[in-house]
Amino acid sequence: MAWRGQLSKNIKELRLLMCQSSPASSSARAFVEKNYKELKTLNPKLPILIRECSGVEPQLWARYDLGVEKGIKLEGMTEPQILKALEDLVKAGQSKA
């Protein structure tokens, strides 16, 4: 899981959008509870934004150099699948570098 410490090298900003109470966002909330502290500790200067809005569809967005963004819809994904989606976004950032 060495890629976790490489987030700030490949991504300029990470955003998670989710609903505070909907079942569709439960895995996204679990992901934040389990992983935020470690990700922020390993990448202290990387902005990791958690955006909660009632009824919003859970999404994960990465912003790369030159304002390029890539997003993934998280509805129906489990917490490990969300972690894998984040890993894929980090790897996509390596190819953009």
PDB file of N, CA and C in Angstrom:
ATOM      1  N   MET A   1       0.814  -1.194   0.000  1.00  0.00           N
ATOM      2  CA  MET A   1       0.000   0.000   0.000  1.00  0.00           C
ATOM      3  C   MET A   1       0.864   1.267   0.000  1.00  0.00           C
ATOM      4  N   ALA A   2       2.042   1.164  -0.579  1.00  0.00           N
ATOM      5  CA  ALA A   2       2.949   2.307  -0.636  1.00  0.00           C
ATOM      6  C   ALA A   2       2.354   3.459  -1.430  1.00  0.00           C
ATOM      7  N   TRP A   3       1.416   3.168  -2.312  1.00  0.00           N
ATOM      8  CA  TRP A   3       0.798   4.218  -3.130  1.00  0.00           C
ATOM      9  C   TRP A   3       0.083   5.257  -2.282  1.00  0.00           C
ATOM     10  N   ARG A   4      -0.332   4.881  -1.076  1.00  0.00           N
ATOM     11  CA  ARG A   4      -1.045   5.827  -0.206  1.00  0.00           C
ATOM     12  C   ARG A   4      -0.197   7.050   0.118  1.00  0.00           C
ATOM     13  N   GLY A   5       1.100   6.853   0.259  1.00  0.00           N
ATOM     14  CA  GLY A   5       1.996   7.963   0.545  1.00  0.00           C
ATOM     15  C   GLY A   5       2.352   8.775  -0.686  1.00  0.00           C
ATOM     16  N   GLN A   6       1.936   8.332  -1.863  1.00  0.00           N
ATOM     17  CA  GLN A   6       2.258   8.996  -3.127  1.00  0.00           C
ATOM     18  C   GLN A   6       1.125   9.880  -3.638  1.00  0.00           C
ATOM     19  N   LEU A   7       0.044   9.997  -2.899  1.00  0.00           N
ATOM     20  CA  LEU A   7      -1.101  10.768  -3.371  1.00  0.00           C
ATOM     21  C   LEU A   7      -0.710  12.183  -3.767  1.00  0.00           C
ATOM     22  N   SER A   8       0.023  12.860  -2.898  1.00  0.00           N
ATOM     23  CA  SER A   8       0.337  14.265  -3.158  1.00  0.00           C
ATOM     24  C   SER A   8       1.321  14.444  -4.308  1.00  0.00           C
ATOM     25  N   LYS A   9       2.016  13.404  -4.726  1.00  0.00           N
ATOM     26  CA  LYS A   9       2.914  13.506  -5.873  1.00  0.00           C
ATOM     27  C   LYS A   9       2.133  13.467  -7.187  1.00  0.00           C
ATOM     28  N   ASN A  10       0.983  12.812  -7.180  1.00  0.00           N
ATOM     29  CA  ASN A  10       0.218  12.604  -8.408  1.00  0.00           C
ATOM     30  C   ASN A  10      -1.099  13.370  -8.465  1.00  0.00           C
ATOM     31  N   ILE A  11      -1.617  13.760  -7.310  1.00  0.00           N
ATOM     32  CA  ILE A  11      -2.921  14.421  -7.230  1.00  0.00           C
ATOM     33  C   ILE A  11      -2.748  15.761  -6.514  1.00  0.00           C
ATOM     34  N   LYS A  12      -3.412  16.784  -7.020  1.00  0.00           N
ATOM     35  CA  LYS A  12      -3.342  18.121  -6.409  1.00  0.00           C
ATOM     36  C   LYS A  12      -4.454  18.350  -5.388  1.00  0.00           C
ATOM     37  N   GLU A  13      -5.577  17.623  -5.538  1.00  0.00           N
ATOM     38  CA  GLU A  13      -6.705  17.766  -4.619  1.00  0.00           C
ATOM     39  C   GLU A  13      -7.574  16.519  -4.720  1.00  0.00           C
ATOM     40  N   LEU A  14      -8.094  16.077  -3.595  1.00  0.00           N
ATOM     41  CA  LEU A  14      -8.983  14.924  -3.544  1.00  0.00           C
ATOM     42  C   LEU A  14     -10.288  15.377  -2.900  1.00  0.00           C
ATOM     43  N   ARG A  15     -11.432  15.070  -3.554  1.00  0.00           N
ATOM     44  CA  ARG A  15     -12.746  15.456  -3.037  1.00  0.00           C
ATOM     45  C   ARG A  15     -13.650  14.251  -2.934  1.00  0.00           C
ATOM     46  N   LEU A  16     -14.322  14.132  -1.805  1.00  0.00           N
ATOM     47  CA  LEU A  16     -15.339  13.099  -1.613  1.00  0.00           C
ATOM     48  C   LEU A  16     -16.667  13.795  -1.386  1.00  0.00           C
ATOM     49  N   LEU A  17     -17.653  13.440  -2.196  1.00  0.00           N
ATOM     50  CA  LEU A  17     -19.001  13.976  -2.055  1.00  0.00           C
ATOM     51  C   LEU A  17     -19.893  12.849  -1.547  1.00  0.00           C
ATOM     52  N   MET A  18     -20.712  13.155  -0.535  1.00  0.00           N
ATOM     53  CA  MET A  18     -21.589  12.129   0.028  1.00  0.00           C
ATOM     54  C   MET A  18     -22.730  12.760   0.802  1.00  0.00           C
ATOM     55  N   CYS A  19     -23.750  11.961   1.028  1.00  0.00           N
ATOM     56  CA  CYS A  19     -24.887  12.358   1.850  1.00  0.00           C
ATOM     57  C   CYS A  19     -24.601  11.918   3.292  1.00  0.00           C
ATOM     58  N   GLN A  20     -25.024  12.725   4.252  1.00  0.00           N
ATOM     59  CA  GLN A  20     -24.775  12.406   5.658  1.00  0.00           C
ATOM     60  C   GLN A  20     -25.576  11.212   6.160  1.00  0.00           C
ATOM     61  N   SER A  21     -26.698  10.892   5.486  1.00  0.00           N
ATOM     62  CA  SER A  21     -27.581   9.877   6.052  1.00  0.00           C
ATOM     63  C   SER A  21     -28.065   8.806   5.078  1.00  0.00           C
ATOM     64  N   SER A  22     -27.893   8.979   3.788  1.00  0.00           N
ATOM     65  CA  SER A  22     -28.475   8.020   2.845  1.00  0.00           C
ATOM     66  C   SER A  22     -27.728   6.690   2.839  1.00  0.00           C
ATOM     67  N   PRO A  23     -28.445   5.591   2.630  1.00  0.00           N
ATOM     68  CA  PRO A  23     -27.800   4.279   2.532  1.00  0.00           C
ATOM     69  C   PRO A  23     -26.800   4.201   1.370  1.00  0.00           C
ATOM     70  N   ALA A  24     -27.047   4.941   0.295  1.00  0.00           N
ATOM     71  CA  ALA A  24     -26.149   4.920  -0.864  1.00  0.00           C
ATOM     72  C   ALA A  24     -24.759   5.442  -0.512  1.00  0.00           C
ATOM     73  N   SER A  25     -24.681   6.329   0.487  1.00  0.00           N
ATOM     74  CA  SER A  25     -23.396   6.913   0.876  1.00  0.00           C
ATOM     75  C   SER A  25     -22.753   6.218   2.071  1.00  0.00           C
ATOM     76  N   SER A  26     -23.345   5.132   2.559  1.00  0.00           N
ATOM     77  CA  SER A  26     -22.815   4.494   3.773  1.00  0.00           C
ATOM     78  C   SER A  26     -21.384   3.987   3.589  1.00  0.00           C
ATOM     79  N   SER A  27     -21.082   3.422   2.429  1.00  0.00           N
ATOM     80  CA  SER A  27     -19.709   2.939   2.188  1.00  0.00           C
ATOM     81  C   SER A  27     -18.727   4.098   2.092  1.00  0.00           C
ATOM     82  N   ALA A  28     -19.153   5.204   1.501  1.00  0.00           N
ATOM     83  CA  ALA A  28     -18.287   6.379   1.414  1.00  0.00           C
ATOM     84  C   ALA A  28     -17.998   6.930   2.811  1.00  0.00           C
ATOM     85  N   ARG A  29     -19.012   6.952   3.676  1.00  0.00           N
ATOM     86  CA  ARG A  29     -18.795   7.410   5.056  1.00  0.00           C
ATOM     87  C   ARG A  29     -17.847   6.464   5.787  1.00  0.00           C
ATOM     88  N   ALA A  30     -18.011   5.151   5.582  1.00  0.00           N
ATOM     89  CA  ALA A  30     -17.120   4.162   6.205  1.00  0.00           C
ATOM     90  C   ALA A  30     -15.690   4.342   5.696  1.00  0.00           C
ATOM     91  N   PHE A  31     -15.538   4.630   4.404  1.00  0.00           N
ATOM     92  CA  PHE A  31     -14.215   4.856   3.825  1.00  0.00           C
ATOM     93  C   PHE A  31     -13.525   6.037   4.514  1.00  0.00           C
ATOM     94  N   VAL A  32     -14.258   7.129   4.691  1.00  0.00           N
ATOM     95  CA  VAL A  32     -13.685   8.312   5.336  1.00  0.00           C
ATOM     96  C   VAL A  32     -13.293   7.988   6.775  1.00  0.00           C
ATOM     97  N   GLU A  33     -14.180   7.325   7.509  1.00  0.00           N
ATOM     98  CA  GLU A  33     -13.892   6.991   8.909  1.00  0.00           C
ATOM     99  C   GLU A  33     -12.654   6.109   9.045  1.00  0.00           C
ATOM    100  N   LYS A  34     -12.464   5.158   8.134  1.00  0.00           N
ATOM    101  CA  LYS A  34     -11.350   4.217   8.217  1.00  0.00           C
ATOM    102  C   LYS A  34     -10.041   4.757   7.655  1.00  0.00           C
ATOM    103  N   ASN A  35     -10.101   5.623   6.634  1.00  0.00           N
ATOM    104  CA  ASN A  35      -8.903   5.959   5.877  1.00  0.00           C
ATOM    105  C   ASN A  35      -8.448   7.411   5.934  1.00  0.00           C
ATOM    106  N   TYR A  36      -9.315   8.337   6.307  1.00  0.00           N
ATOM    107  CA  TYR A  36      -8.945   9.752   6.247  1.00  0.00           C
ATOM    108  C   TYR A  36      -7.691  10.062   7.057  1.00  0.00           C
ATOM    109  N   LYS A  37      -7.657   9.623   8.291  1.00  0.00           N
ATOM    110  CA  LYS A  37      -6.534   9.970   9.177  1.00  0.00           C
ATOM    111  C   LYS A  37      -5.198   9.502   8.601  1.00  0.00           C
ATOM    112  N   GLU A  38      -5.144   8.268   8.118  1.00  0.00           N
ATOM    113  CA  GLU A  38      -3.898   7.748   7.554  1.00  0.00           C
ATOM    114  C   GLU A  38      -3.511   8.487   6.278  1.00  0.00           C
ATOM    115  N   LEU A  39      -4.479   8.713   5.393  1.00  0.00           N
ATOM    116  CA  LEU A  39      -4.187   9.417   4.142  1.00  0.00           C
ATOM    117  C   LEU A  39      -3.684  10.827   4.410  1.00  0.00           C
ATOM    118  N   LYS A  40      -4.286  11.515   5.375  1.00  0.00           N
ATOM    119  CA  LYS A  40      -3.872  12.883   5.694  1.00  0.00           C
ATOM    120  C   LYS A  40      -2.501  12.885   6.377  1.00  0.00           C
ATOM    121  N   THR A  41      -2.229  11.900   7.219  1.00  0.00           N
ATOM    122  CA  THR A  41      -0.927  11.800   7.879  1.00  0.00           C
ATOM    123  C   THR A  41       0.184  11.572   6.853  1.00  0.00           C
ATOM    124  N   LEU A  42      -0.082  10.707   5.862  1.00  0.00           N
ATOM    125  CA  LEU A  42       0.913  10.410   4.840  1.00  0.00           C
ATOM    126  C   LEU A  42       1.058  11.515   3.802  1.00  0.00           C
ATOM    127  N   ASN A  43       0.024  12.360   3.669  1.00  0.00           N
ATOM    128  CA  ASN A  43       0.010  13.431   2.664  1.00  0.00           C
ATOM    129  C   ASN A  43      -0.480  14.729   3.315  1.00  0.00           C
ATOM    130  N   PRO A  44       0.304  15.290   4.242  1.00  0.00           N
ATOM    131  CA  PRO A  44      -0.188  16.428   5.040  1.00  0.00           C
ATOM    132  C   PRO A  44      -0.521  17.685   4.238  1.00  0.00           C
ATOM    133  N   LYS A  45       0.098  17.879   3.091  1.00  0.00           N
ATOM    134  CA  LYS A  45      -0.158  19.103   2.317  1.00  0.00           C
ATOM    135  C   LYS A  45      -1.226  18.919   1.238  1.00  0.00           C
ATOM    136  N   LEU A  46      -1.695  17.699   1.058  1.00  0.00           N
ATOM    137  CA  LEU A  46      -2.720  17.430   0.051  1.00  0.00           C
ATOM    138  C   LEU A  46      -4.097  17.835   0.580  1.00  0.00           C
ATOM    139  N   PRO A  47      -4.803  18.713  -0.140  1.00  0.00           N
ATOM    140  CA  PRO A  47      -6.176  19.029   0.275  1.00  0.00           C
ATOM    141  C   PRO A  47      -7.083  17.813   0.055  1.00  0.00           C
ATOM    142  N   ILE A  48      -7.651  17.310   1.140  1.00  0.00           N
ATOM    143  CA  ILE A  48      -8.630  16.223   1.065  1.00  0.00           C
ATOM    144  C   ILE A  48      -9.943  16.821   1.564  1.00  0.00           C
ATOM    145  N   LEU A  49     -10.846  17.062   0.632  1.00  0.00           N
ATOM    146  CA  LEU A  49     -12.090  17.752   0.941  1.00  0.00           C
ATOM    147  C   LEU A  49     -13.234  16.756   1.064  1.00  0.00           C
ATOM    148  N   ILE A  50     -13.943  16.825   2.168  1.00  0.00           N
ATOM    149  CA  ILE A  50     -15.115  15.990   2.403  1.00  0.00           C
ATOM    150  C   ILE A  50     -16.326  16.908   2.296  1.00  0.00           C
ATOM    151  N   ARG A  51     -17.175  16.665   1.297  1.00  0.00           N
ATOM    152  CA  ARG A  51     -18.338  17.509   1.060  1.00  0.00           C
ATOM    153  C   ARG A  51     -19.600  16.687   1.288  1.00  0.00           C
ATOM    154  N   GLU A  52     -20.388  17.118   2.274  1.00  0.00           N
ATOM    155  CA  GLU A  52     -21.635  16.432   2.588  1.00  0.00           C
ATOM    156  C   GLU A  52     -22.814  17.310   2.175  1.00  0.00           C
ATOM    157  N   CYS A  53     -23.758  16.684   1.502  1.00  0.00           N
ATOM    158  CA  CYS A  53     -24.958  17.388   1.065  1.00  0.00           C
ATOM    159  C   CYS A  53     -26.105  16.380   1.034  1.00  0.00           C
ATOM    160  N   SER A  54     -27.219  16.743   1.593  1.00  0.00           N
ATOM    161  CA  SER A  54     -28.359  15.851   1.655  1.00  0.00           C
ATOM    162  C   SER A  54     -28.795  15.411   0.262  1.00  0.00           C
ATOM    163  N   GLY A  55     -28.869  14.094   0.070  1.00  0.00           N
ATOM    164  CA  GLY A  55     -29.356  13.522  -1.177  1.00  0.00           C
ATOM    165  C   GLY A  55     -28.355  13.436  -2.313  1.00  0.00           C
ATOM    166  N   VAL A  56     -27.124  13.872  -2.110  1.00  0.00           N
ATOM    167  CA  VAL A  56     -26.136  13.844  -3.190  1.00  0.00           C
ATOM    168  C   VAL A  56     -25.656  12.406  -3.432  1.00  0.00           C
ATOM    169  N   GLU A  57     -25.345  12.103  -4.685  1.00  0.00           N
ATOM    170  CA  GLU A  57     -24.810  10.795  -5.057  1.00  0.00           C
ATOM    171  C   GLU A  57     -23.331  10.733  -4.631  1.00  0.00           C
ATOM    172  N   PRO A  58     -22.892   9.643  -3.969  1.00  0.00           N
ATOM    173  CA  PRO A  58     -21.494   9.575  -3.524  1.00  0.00           C
ATOM    174  C   PRO A  58     -20.532   9.523  -4.710  1.00  0.00           C
ATOM    175  N   GLN A  59     -19.501  10.373  -4.635  1.00  0.00           N
ATOM    176  CA  GLN A  59     -18.522  10.465  -5.713  1.00  0.00           C
ATOM    177  C   GLN A  59     -17.140  10.724  -5.135  1.00  0.00           C
ATOM    178  N   LEU A  60     -16.132  10.335  -5.887  1.00  0.00           N
ATOM    179  CA  LEU A  60     -14.732  10.593  -5.543  1.00  0.00           C
ATOM    180  C   LEU A  60     -14.110  11.314  -6.727  1.00  0.00           C
ATOM    181  N   TRP A  61     -13.505  12.475  -6.470  1.00  0.00           N
ATOM    182  CA  TRP A  61     -12.904  13.289  -7.527  1.00  0.00           C
ATOM    183  C   TRP A  61     -11.440  13.551  -7.215  1.00  0.00           C
ATOM    184  N   ALA A  62     -10.609  13.458  -8.227  1.00  0.00           N
ATOM    185  CA  ALA A  62      -9.193  13.807  -8.118  1.00  0.00           C
ATOM    186  C   ALA A  62      -8.900  14.922  -9.107  1.00  0.00           C
ATOM    187  N   ARG A  63      -8.175  15.938  -8.629  1.00  0.00           N
ATOM    188  CA  ARG A  63      -7.732  17.015  -9.525  1.00  0.00           C
ATOM    189  C   ARG A  63      -6.233  16.859  -9.712  1.00  0.00           C
ATOM    190  N   TYR A  64      -5.809  16.870 -10.970  1.00  0.00           N
ATOM    191  CA  TYR A  64      -4.406  16.715 -11.332  1.00  0.00           C
ATOM    192  C   TYR A  64      -3.841  18.067 -11.772  1.00  0.00           C
ATOM    193  N   ASP A  65      -2.622  18.065 -12.294  1.00  0.00           N
ATOM    194  CA  ASP A  65      -2.017  19.282 -12.842  1.00  0.00           C
ATOM    195  C   ASP A  65      -2.897  19.884 -13.929  1.00  0.00           C
ATOM    196  N   LEU A  66      -2.769  21.192 -14.096  1.00  0.00           N
ATOM    197  CA  LEU A  66      -3.462  21.942 -15.143  1.00  0.00           C
ATOM    198  C   LEU A  66      -4.982  21.854 -15.030  1.00  0.00           C
ATOM    199  N   GLY A  67      -5.493  21.583 -13.832  1.00  0.00           N
ATOM    200  CA  GLY A  67      -6.930  21.575 -13.609  1.00  0.00           C
ATOM    201  C   GLY A  67      -7.683  20.378 -14.149  1.00  0.00           C
ATOM    202  N   VAL A  68      -6.970  19.363 -14.621  1.00  0.00           N
ATOM    203  CA  VAL A  68      -7.609  18.158 -15.136  1.00  0.00           C
ATOM    204  C   VAL A  68      -8.227  17.398 -13.955  1.00  0.00           C
ATOM    205  N   GLU A  69      -9.490  17.009 -14.091  1.00  0.00           N
ATOM    206  CA  GLU A  69     -10.183  16.277 -13.026  1.00  0.00           C
ATOM    207  C   GLU A  69     -10.739  14.963 -13.547  1.00  0.00           C
ATOM    208  N   LYS A  70     -10.808  13.996 -12.650  1.00  0.00           N
ATOM    209  CA  LYS A  70     -11.411  12.705 -12.975  1.00  0.00           C
ATOM    210  C   LYS A  70     -12.262  12.292 -11.777  1.00  0.00           C
ATOM    211  N   GLY A  71     -13.485  11.862 -12.059  1.00  0.00           N
ATOM    212  CA  GLY A  71     -14.400  11.479 -10.992  1.00  0.00           C
ATOM    213  C   GLY A  71     -14.918  10.064 -11.166  1.00  0.00           C
ATOM    214  N   ILE A  72     -15.274   9.456 -10.040  1.00  0.00           N
ATOM    215  CA  ILE A  72     -15.818   8.098 -10.020  1.00  0.00           C
ATOM    216  C   ILE A  72     -17.065   8.107  -9.140  1.00  0.00           C
ATOM    217  N   LYS A  73     -18.147   7.540  -9.646  1.00  0.00           N
ATOM    218  CA  LYS A  73     -19.368   7.393  -8.845  1.00  0.00           C
ATOM    219  C   LYS A  73     -19.180   6.204  -7.910  1.00  0.00           C
ATOM    220  N   LEU A  74     -19.518   6.399  -6.636  1.00  0.00           N
ATOM    221  CA  LEU A  74     -19.251   5.380  -5.615  1.00  0.00           C
ATOM    222  C   LEU A  74     -20.485   4.586  -5.204  1.00  0.00           C
ATOM    223  N   GLU A  75     -21.635   4.922  -5.716  1.00  0.00           N
ATOM    224  CA  GLU A  75     -22.865   4.237  -5.311  1.00  0.00           C
ATOM    225  C   GLU A  75     -22.763   2.745  -5.618  1.00  0.00           C
ATOM    226  N   GLY A  76     -23.082   1.923  -4.638  1.00  0.00           N
ATOM    227  CA  GLY A  76     -23.038   0.473  -4.807  1.00  0.00           C
ATOM    228  C   GLY A  76     -21.666  -0.138  -4.542  1.00  0.00           C
ATOM    229  N   MET A  77     -20.661   0.686  -4.297  1.00  0.00           N
ATOM    230  CA  MET A  77     -19.312   0.166  -4.035  1.00  0.00           C
ATOM    231  C   MET A  77     -19.138  -0.085  -2.537  1.00  0.00           C
ATOM    232  N   THR A  78     -18.303  -1.071  -2.211  1.00  0.00           N
ATOM    233  CA  THR A  78     -17.943  -1.328  -0.819  1.00  0.00           C
ATOM    234  C   THR A  78     -16.738  -0.460  -0.455  1.00  0.00           C
ATOM    235  N   GLU A  79     -16.420  -0.399   0.814  1.00  0.00           N
ATOM    236  CA  GLU A  79     -15.272   0.400   1.265  1.00  0.00           C
ATOM    237  C   GLU A  79     -13.970  -0.064   0.608  1.00  0.00           C
ATOM    238  N   PRO A  80     -13.684  -1.386   0.511  1.00  0.00           N
ATOM    239  CA  PRO A  80     -12.464  -1.814  -0.200  1.00  0.00           C
ATOM    240  C   PRO A  80     -12.483  -1.448  -1.689  1.00  0.00           C
ATOM    241  N   GLN A  81     -13.651  -1.462  -2.310  1.00  0.00           N
ATOM    242  CA  GLN A  81     -13.745  -1.069  -3.717  1.00  0.00           C
ATOM    243  C   GLN A  81     -13.458   0.423  -3.886  1.00  0.00           C
ATOM    244  N   ILE A  82     -13.881   1.223  -2.913  1.00  0.00           N
ATOM    245  CA  ILE A  82     -13.590   2.660  -2.954  1.00  0.00           C
ATOM    246  C   ILE A  82     -12.088   2.887  -2.818  1.00  0.00           C
ATOM    247  N   LEU A  83     -11.453   2.127  -1.936  1.00  0.00           N
ATOM    248  CA  LEU A  83      -9.996   2.215  -1.778  1.00  0.00           C
ATOM    249  C   LEU A  83      -9.295   1.862  -3.085  1.00  0.00           C
ATOM    250  N   LYS A  84      -9.777   0.842  -3.780  1.00  0.00           N
ATOM    251  CA  LYS A  84      -9.217   0.442  -5.071  1.00  0.00           C
ATOM    252  C   LYS A  84      -9.444   1.536  -6.114  1.00  0.00           C
ATOM    253  N   ALA A  85     -10.614   2.182  -6.083  1.00  0.00           N
ATOM    254  CA  ALA A  85     -10.897   3.284  -7.010  1.00  0.00           C
ATOM    255  C   ALA A  85      -9.928   4.441  -6.767  1.00  0.00           C
ATOM    256  N   LEU A  86      -9.633   4.728  -5.498  1.00  0.00           N
ATOM    257  CA  LEU A  86      -8.668   5.775  -5.179  1.00  0.00           C
ATOM    258  C   LEU A  86      -7.282   5.398  -5.702  1.00  0.00           C
ATOM    259  N   GLU A  87      -6.903   4.146  -5.518  1.00  0.00           N
ATOM    260  CA  GLU A  87      -5.613   3.677  -6.033  1.00  0.00           C
ATOM    261  C   GLU A  87      -5.546   3.864  -7.555  1.00  0.00           C
ATOM    262  N   ASP A  88      -6.635   3.561  -8.246  1.00  0.00           N
ATOM    263  CA  ASP A  88      -6.688   3.732  -9.700  1.00  0.00           C
ATOM    264  C   ASP A  88      -6.533   5.212 -10.086  1.00  0.00           C
ATOM    265  N   LEU A  89      -7.137   6.114  -9.303  1.00  0.00           N
ATOM    266  CA  LEU A  89      -6.993   7.539  -9.576  1.00  0.00           C
ATOM    267  C   LEU A  89      -5.549   7.989  -9.377  1.00  0.00           C
ATOM    268  N   VAL A  90      -4.884   7.436  -8.367  1.00  0.00           N
ATOM    269  CA  VAL A  90      -3.477   7.778  -8.113  1.00  0.00           C
ATOM    270  C   VAL A  90      -2.622   7.292  -9.288  1.00  0.00           C
ATOM    271  N   LYS A  91      -2.882   6.075  -9.737  1.00  0.00           N
ATOM    272  CA  LYS A  91      -2.125   5.528 -10.876  1.00  0.00           C
ATOM    273  C   LYS A  91      -2.395   6.317 -12.147  1.00  0.00           C
ATOM    274  N   ALA A  92      -3.622   6.794 -12.328  1.00  0.00           N
ATOM    275  CA  ALA A  92      -3.935   7.638 -13.479  1.00  0.00           C
ATOM    276  C   ALA A  92      -3.123   8.932 -13.414  1.00  0.00           C
ATOM    277  N   GLY A  93      -2.903   9.438 -12.207  1.00  0.00           N
ATOM    278  CA  GLY A  93      -2.094  10.640 -12.037  1.00  0.00           C
ATOM    279  C   GLY A  93      -0.640  10.405 -12.397  1.00  0.00           C
ATOM    280  N   GLN A  94      -0.137   9.206 -12.164  1.00  0.00           N
ATOM    281  CA  GLN A  94       1.246   8.886 -12.527  1.00  0.00           C
ATOM    282  C   GLN A  94       1.419   8.947 -14.041  1.00  0.00           C
ATOM    283  N   SER A  95       0.417   8.494 -14.771  1.00  0.00           N
ATOM    284  CA  SER A  95       0.523   8.496 -16.227  1.00  0.00           C
ATOM    285  C   SER A  95       0.401   9.903 -16.799  1.00  0.00           C
ATOM    286  N   LYS A  96      -0.214  10.838 -16.038  1.00  0.00           N
ATOM    287  CA  LYS A  96      -0.347  12.221 -16.487  1.00  0.00           C
ATOM    288  C   LYS A  96       0.912  13.023 -16.206  1.00  0.00           C
ATOM    289  N   ALA A  97       1.739  12.520 -15.280  1.00  0.00           N
ATOM    290  CA  ALA A  97       2.937  13.260 -14.869  1.00  0.00           C
ATOM    291  C   ALA A  97       4.020  13.238 -15.916  1.00  0.00           C
TER     292      ALA A  97
END
